[in-house]
């Protein structure tokens, strides 16, 4: 089959070349991939800074959509030709990918493959961190850094459905407007305003219950300052740096918690549970159209380098997708 490979040159060039087909296990299916969505983890892996988990494919790509072309002999809930999407630990930028049958999600009837490929990673990431790690409760407030990212746009929609006030930060007026359209109660252009001051003003000095942070670094101290008593800060990425100086006294007095979280390296059993709990709570809203992945742009797989550059420039609102076939 053909798959994206990273050339070991200065540019870390992405090329579409022949590789061995993946082997379908007894509880797995083989999917003919029609579309795969990009994630920041792909950029890090391409740069040699984020190796895949042990046993996972070294091919880039964490979420796909396509058609089932082979069934393992222990798979009985799916049929050949079924349209499916799935979260992967790797292997998505390819003509074919192997997926544990228990990780599959059906594609809604009127959805394109590109739309379906944009759902698994960002919505499962938002779900596990907001509802399982931070345990957001009814009427509690949520602050999301990177509101216009794939995970951010997913978080806004989920919190809006559960009736939680949701505040976000974003890097441009265009992104701020997009977040408001999705349902954010407050969207802050962090290039022009201090999110700490804006959130405190909007909440009359009360702060927020839960923060989902992709920045870390210099944001950590301000995050802690705006957490309510017993608030939870979930750090899911460190785009602003892996080191920070914080006031542990504030954390202790507020009985607040900092939670570090990553989805990719979790066990398959954990991922199956996350997927199932997401489907139990939110799949009716996916089918009804209330939940929709936000797609920024679609590139043919031959333009993977352009797609990566677009993500590196941080101009996208929502997901960037590769059309595989």
Protein backbone atom coordinates (compact mmCIF):
# COMPACT_ATOMS: atom_id res chain seq x y z
CA UNK A 1 0.00 0.00 0.00
CA UNK A 2 0.95 3.67 -0.17
CA UNK A 3 1.54 5.71 2.98
CA UNK A 4 3.11 8.98 4.07
CA UNK A 5 6.71 8.52 5.18
CA UNK A 6 9.02 11.07 6.81
CA UNK A 7 12.29 11.54 4.92
CA UNK A 8 15.30 11.92 7.21
CA UNK A 9 16.44 15.21 5.68
CA UNK A 10 16.67 18.76 7.03
CA UNK A 11 13.09 19.59 5.98
CA UNK A 12 11.66 16.30 7.33
CA UNK A 13 9.91 15.96 3.97
CA UNK A 14 6.71 13.94 3.74
CA UNK A 15 6.53 11.55 0.79
CA UNK A 16 3.80 9.17 -0.46
CA UNK A 17 5.49 5.82 -1.04
CA UNK A 18 5.02 2.05 -0.94
CA UNK A 19 5.14 0.31 2.44
CA UNK A 20 4.00 -3.08 3.73
CA UNK A 21 0.29 -3.57 4.35
CA UNK A 22 -0.76 -3.76 8.02
CA UNK A 23 -1.78 -7.19 9.33
CA UNK A 24 -5.38 -7.53 10.53
CA UNK A 25 -5.72 -9.33 13.88
CA UNK A 26 -8.59 -11.55 14.98
CA UNK A 27 -10.39 -8.74 16.86
CA UNK A 28 -9.48 -6.05 14.36
CA UNK A 29 -10.71 -4.74 11.03
CA UNK A 30 -8.82 -3.44 8.03
CA UNK A 31 -10.08 -0.05 6.87
CA UNK A 32 -9.57 1.39 3.40
CA UNK A 33 -8.77 4.95 4.48
CA UNK A 34 -10.59 7.72 2.64
CA UNK A 35 -9.58 10.66 4.85
CA UNK A 36 -7.27 11.36 7.78
CA UNK A 37 -7.17 14.46 9.98
CA UNK A 38 -4.04 16.26 11.16
CA UNK A 39 -3.05 16.78 14.79
CA UNK A 40 -0.24 18.68 16.51
CA UNK A 41 1.11 15.35 17.70
CA UNK A 42 1.87 14.58 14.04
CA UNK A 43 4.07 17.67 13.82
CA UNK A 44 5.98 16.62 16.91
CA UNK A 45 6.40 13.03 15.69
CA UNK A 46 7.58 14.26 12.30
CA UNK A 47 10.21 16.37 14.11
CA UNK A 48 11.36 13.33 16.07
CA UNK A 49 10.04 14.67 19.39
CA UNK A 50 7.02 12.42 19.98
CA UNK A 51 7.58 8.75 19.14
CA UNK A 52 4.50 6.51 18.85
CA UNK A 53 3.61 4.22 21.76
CA UNK A 54 5.27 0.81 21.87
CA UNK A 55 3.75 -1.52 19.27
CA UNK A 56 1.96 1.25 17.35
CA UNK A 57 2.50 2.01 13.67
CA UNK A 58 5.29 4.50 13.01
CA UNK A 59 3.20 6.04 10.20
CA UNK A 60 1.74 9.44 11.12
CA UNK A 61 -1.99 9.88 11.63
CA UNK A 62 -4.22 9.50 14.69
CA UNK A 63 -7.74 9.61 13.23
CA UNK A 64 -9.28 8.26 10.06
CA UNK A 65 -12.49 7.56 8.20
CA UNK A 66 -13.09 4.93 5.54
CA UNK A 67 -14.69 1.59 4.61
CA UNK A 68 -14.12 -1.81 6.22
CA UNK A 69 -12.37 -4.11 3.73
CA UNK A 70 -11.46 -7.04 6.01
CA UNK A 71 -12.83 -8.51 9.25
CA UNK A 72 -10.91 -10.48 11.86
CA UNK A 73 -12.55 -13.84 12.60
CA UNK A 74 -13.70 -12.66 16.05
CA UNK A 75 -15.42 -9.53 14.71
CA UNK A 76 -19.19 -9.96 14.49
CA UNK A 77 -20.68 -6.47 14.98
CA UNK A 78 -19.47 -4.99 11.69
CA UNK A 79 -19.75 -5.88 8.00
CA UNK A 80 -17.57 -5.45 4.95
CA UNK A 81 -18.20 -2.06 3.38
CA UNK A 82 -19.38 -0.38 6.59
CA UNK A 83 -18.42 3.30 6.77
CA UNK A 84 -16.47 3.93 9.97
CA UNK A 85 -14.21 6.41 11.72
CA UNK A 86 -11.71 5.71 14.48
CA UNK A 87 -9.00 6.97 16.79
CA UNK A 88 -5.57 5.39 16.22
CA UNK A 89 -2.22 5.41 18.05
CA UNK A 90 -0.65 5.84 14.59
CA UNK A 91 -0.92 4.67 10.99
CA UNK A 92 -3.62 6.99 9.64
CA UNK A 93 -1.79 8.62 6.73
CA UNK A 94 -2.05 5.52 4.58
CA UNK A 95 -4.30 3.73 2.11
CA UNK A 96 -5.14 1.10 4.73
CA UNK A 97 -5.14 0.99 8.52
CA UNK A 98 -5.84 -1.70 11.11
CA UNK A 99 -8.26 -0.78 13.92
CA UNK A 100 -9.52 -2.76 16.93
CA UNK A 101 -13.20 -3.38 16.18
CA UNK A 102 -14.16 -2.04 19.61
CA UNK A 103 -12.71 1.38 18.69
CA UNK A 104 -14.86 1.89 15.59
CA UNK A 105 -17.61 4.48 15.35
CA UNK A 106 -20.21 4.47 12.57
CA UNK A 107 -20.25 7.42 10.20
CA UNK A 108 -23.60 9.25 10.19
CA UNK A 109 -25.42 8.69 6.91
CA UNK A 110 -25.10 12.22 5.53
CA UNK A 111 -21.49 12.81 6.60
CA UNK A 112 -18.51 12.94 4.26
CA UNK A 113 -15.38 10.94 5.03
CA UNK A 114 -13.53 14.22 5.60
CA UNK A 115 -16.03 15.31 8.24
CA UNK A 116 -15.96 11.90 9.94
CA UNK A 117 -12.15 11.82 10.08
CA UNK A 118 -12.27 15.12 11.97
CA UNK A 119 -14.29 13.74 14.87
CA UNK A 120 -12.45 10.98 16.81
CA UNK A 121 -9.31 12.56 18.24
CA UNK A 122 -10.56 16.04 19.04
CA UNK A 123 -13.92 15.04 20.50
CA UNK A 124 -12.56 12.10 22.51
CA UNK A 125 -9.72 14.30 23.80
CA UNK A 126 -12.13 17.05 24.84
CA UNK A 127 -14.52 14.52 26.37
CA UNK A 128 -12.02 12.56 28.44
CA UNK A 129 -10.35 15.65 29.84
CA UNK A 130 -13.45 17.69 30.61
CA UNK A 131 -15.84 15.00 31.81
CA UNK A 132 -13.63 12.12 33.00
CA UNK A 133 -10.45 13.80 34.23
CA UNK A 134 -11.81 17.16 35.46
CA UNK A 135 -15.30 15.76 36.10
CA UNK A 136 -17.12 18.91 35.05
CA UNK A 137 -20.40 19.09 36.95
CA UNK A 138 -23.73 20.71 36.17
CA UNK A 139 -23.53 24.53 36.15
CA UNK A 140 -19.74 24.56 36.61
CA UNK A 141 -17.79 26.86 34.29
CA UNK A 142 -15.08 25.86 31.82
CA UNK A 143 -12.15 27.83 30.37
CA UNK A 144 -10.54 26.40 27.22
CA UNK A 145 -7.23 27.71 25.93
CA UNK A 146 -6.96 27.34 22.16
CA UNK A 147 -10.69 27.61 21.56
CA UNK A 148 -10.35 27.60 17.76
CA UNK A 149 -8.27 24.41 17.64
CA UNK A 150 -9.86 21.08 16.81
CA UNK A 151 -10.03 20.12 20.49
CA UNK A 152 -11.18 23.62 21.42
CA UNK A 153 -14.05 23.67 18.93
CA UNK A 154 -15.10 20.24 20.21
CA UNK A 155 -14.95 21.38 23.84
CA UNK A 156 -17.16 24.40 23.13
CA UNK A 157 -19.84 22.21 21.56
CA UNK A 158 -19.79 19.59 24.32
CA UNK A 159 -19.96 22.15 27.12
CA UNK A 160 -22.77 24.00 25.34
CA UNK A 161 -24.78 20.78 25.11
CA UNK A 162 -24.33 20.04 28.83
CA UNK A 163 -25.29 23.61 29.70
CA UNK A 164 -21.96 24.70 31.18
CA UNK A 165 -20.71 28.28 30.75
CA UNK A 166 -17.67 28.07 28.49
CA UNK A 167 -14.97 30.70 28.03
CA UNK A 168 -12.13 30.45 25.52
CA UNK A 169 -8.94 32.13 24.41
CA UNK A 170 -7.93 32.50 20.75
CA UNK A 171 -5.29 34.32 18.72
CA UNK A 172 -7.31 36.48 16.30
CA UNK A 173 -10.60 38.32 15.88
CA UNK A 174 -11.63 35.76 13.26
CA UNK A 175 -11.04 32.90 15.68
CA UNK A 176 -12.85 34.74 18.48
CA UNK A 177 -15.89 35.19 16.22
CA UNK A 178 -15.84 31.50 15.25
CA UNK A 179 -15.80 30.44 18.90
CA UNK A 180 -18.77 32.68 19.71
CA UNK A 181 -20.71 31.19 16.78
CA UNK A 182 -20.04 27.71 18.16
CA UNK A 183 -21.52 28.65 21.53
CA UNK A 184 -18.75 30.15 23.67
CA UNK A 185 -20.11 32.60 26.24
CA UNK A 186 -16.86 34.58 26.25
CA UNK A 187 -14.01 34.53 23.72
CA UNK A 188 -10.81 36.45 24.44
CA UNK A 189 -8.21 37.52 21.89
CA UNK A 190 -5.14 36.78 24.00
CA UNK A 191 -2.91 38.84 21.70
CA UNK A 192 -4.84 41.97 22.74
CA UNK A 193 -6.14 41.17 26.22
CA UNK A 194 -4.96 39.39 29.37
CA UNK A 195 -7.27 36.37 29.73
CA UNK A 196 -6.84 36.52 33.52
CA UNK A 197 -8.32 40.02 33.74
CA UNK A 198 -11.07 39.33 31.20
CA UNK A 199 -12.25 36.14 32.89
CA UNK A 200 -12.24 37.72 36.35
CA UNK A 201 -14.20 40.72 35.05
CA UNK A 202 -16.76 38.55 33.23
CA UNK A 203 -17.29 36.31 36.27
CA UNK A 204 -17.45 39.21 38.75
CA UNK A 205 -14.23 38.04 40.35
CA UNK A 206 -15.40 34.45 40.86
CA UNK A 207 -13.11 32.72 38.36
CA UNK A 208 -13.75 29.31 36.83
CA UNK A 209 -14.23 25.72 37.97
CA UNK A 210 -12.32 23.87 35.24
CA UNK A 211 -9.55 24.87 32.82
CA UNK A 212 -8.38 22.79 29.85
CA UNK A 213 -4.97 24.11 28.86
CA UNK A 214 -2.84 23.41 25.78
CA UNK A 215 -0.29 26.13 26.58
CA UNK A 216 1.16 25.53 30.09
CA UNK A 217 4.41 27.53 30.56
CA UNK A 218 3.64 31.15 31.41
CA UNK A 219 -0.11 30.42 31.62
CA UNK A 220 0.18 28.22 34.69
CA UNK A 221 0.35 30.92 37.37
CA UNK A 222 -2.59 32.86 35.90
CA UNK A 223 -4.57 29.64 35.49
CA UNK A 224 -4.19 28.89 39.19
CA UNK A 225 -5.13 32.45 40.14
CA UNK A 226 -8.51 32.20 38.39
CA UNK A 227 -9.45 28.73 39.63
CA UNK A 228 -12.30 28.62 42.11
CA UNK A 229 -12.09 26.66 45.33
CA UNK A 230 -11.73 22.96 44.41
CA UNK A 231 -11.09 23.93 40.79
CA UNK A 232 -9.36 21.61 38.33
CA UNK A 233 -6.69 22.50 35.79
CA UNK A 234 -6.12 19.86 33.09
CA UNK A 235 -2.90 20.30 31.13
CA UNK A 236 -3.10 18.46 27.81
CA UNK A 237 -0.22 20.07 25.91
CA UNK A 238 2.77 22.33 26.56
CA UNK A 239 2.92 24.64 23.55
CA UNK A 240 4.11 27.45 25.84
CA UNK A 241 6.83 25.43 27.52
CA UNK A 242 7.25 22.51 29.90
CA UNK A 243 8.45 24.56 32.88
CA UNK A 244 6.53 27.03 35.05
CA UNK A 245 6.83 28.71 38.43
CA UNK A 246 3.62 28.48 40.45
CA UNK A 247 2.43 29.50 43.91
CA UNK A 248 1.73 26.19 45.63
CA UNK A 249 0.18 28.07 48.53
CA UNK A 250 -2.65 29.29 46.30
CA UNK A 251 -3.16 25.77 45.01
CA UNK A 252 -3.36 24.40 48.55
CA UNK A 253 -5.62 27.12 49.96
CA UNK A 254 -8.08 26.60 47.12
CA UNK A 255 -7.81 22.83 47.34
CA UNK A 256 -7.34 22.98 43.58
CA UNK A 257 -5.84 20.24 41.43
CA UNK A 258 -3.50 20.13 38.45
CA UNK A 259 -4.07 17.11 36.22
CA UNK A 260 -1.66 16.07 33.50
CA UNK A 261 -3.33 14.16 30.69
CA UNK A 262 -2.48 12.49 27.40
CA UNK A 263 -4.75 10.32 25.24
CA UNK A 264 -2.39 8.64 22.77
CA UNK A 265 -0.38 6.53 25.21
CA UNK A 266 -3.39 5.13 27.11
CA UNK A 267 -4.12 1.43 26.89
CA UNK A 268 -6.58 0.13 24.32
CA UNK A 269 -8.99 -0.80 27.13
CA UNK A 270 -8.96 2.78 28.43
CA UNK A 271 -9.56 4.14 24.94
CA UNK A 272 -12.46 1.75 24.38
CA UNK A 273 -14.05 2.92 27.63
CA UNK A 274 -13.57 6.59 26.68
CA UNK A 275 -15.07 6.01 23.23
CA UNK A 276 -18.05 4.11 24.65
CA UNK A 277 -18.81 6.69 27.33
CA UNK A 278 -18.61 9.45 24.73
CA UNK A 279 -21.02 7.59 22.48
CA UNK A 280 -23.42 6.87 25.36
CA UNK A 281 -23.62 10.55 26.30
CA UNK A 282 -23.14 12.46 23.07
CA UNK A 283 -23.72 10.21 20.03
CA UNK A 284 -27.41 11.18 19.71
CA UNK A 285 -26.21 14.78 19.29
CA UNK A 286 -23.74 13.67 16.60
CA UNK A 287 -26.49 11.88 14.68
CA UNK A 288 -28.90 14.81 15.04
CA UNK A 289 -26.31 17.26 13.73
CA UNK A 290 -26.00 19.24 16.94
CA UNK A 291 -22.35 18.15 17.17
CA UNK A 292 -20.33 18.86 14.03
CA UNK A 293 -16.56 18.80 13.57
CA UNK A 294 -15.28 22.15 12.34
CA UNK A 295 -13.20 21.72 9.17
CA UNK A 296 -10.75 24.44 8.24
CA UNK A 297 -9.36 22.96 5.02
CA UNK A 298 -8.97 19.76 3.00
CA UNK A 299 -5.77 18.85 1.14
CA UNK A 300 -5.10 15.96 -1.24
CA UNK A 301 -2.60 13.58 0.32
CA UNK A 302 0.04 14.64 -2.20
CA UNK A 303 0.00 18.09 -0.58
CA UNK A 304 0.68 16.83 2.94
CA UNK A 305 3.64 19.20 3.31
CA UNK A 306 1.38 22.18 2.57
CA UNK A 307 -1.16 20.92 5.08
CA UNK A 308 1.54 20.62 7.76
CA UNK A 309 2.80 24.12 6.99
CA UNK A 310 -0.73 25.48 7.34
CA UNK A 311 -1.00 23.93 10.80
CA UNK A 312 2.44 25.20 11.84
CA UNK A 313 1.39 28.73 10.92
CA UNK A 314 -1.47 28.41 13.44
CA UNK A 315 -4.02 29.99 11.12
CA UNK A 316 -6.53 27.15 11.06
CA UNK A 317 -9.94 27.24 12.71
CA UNK A 318 -10.82 23.62 13.43
CA UNK A 319 -9.43 20.61 11.63
CA UNK A 320 -7.12 20.23 8.65
CA UNK A 321 -7.85 17.05 6.68
CA UNK A 322 -5.98 14.93 4.14
CA UNK A 323 -8.09 13.34 1.40
CA UNK A 324 -6.52 9.90 0.92
CA UNK A 325 -8.78 8.38 -1.77
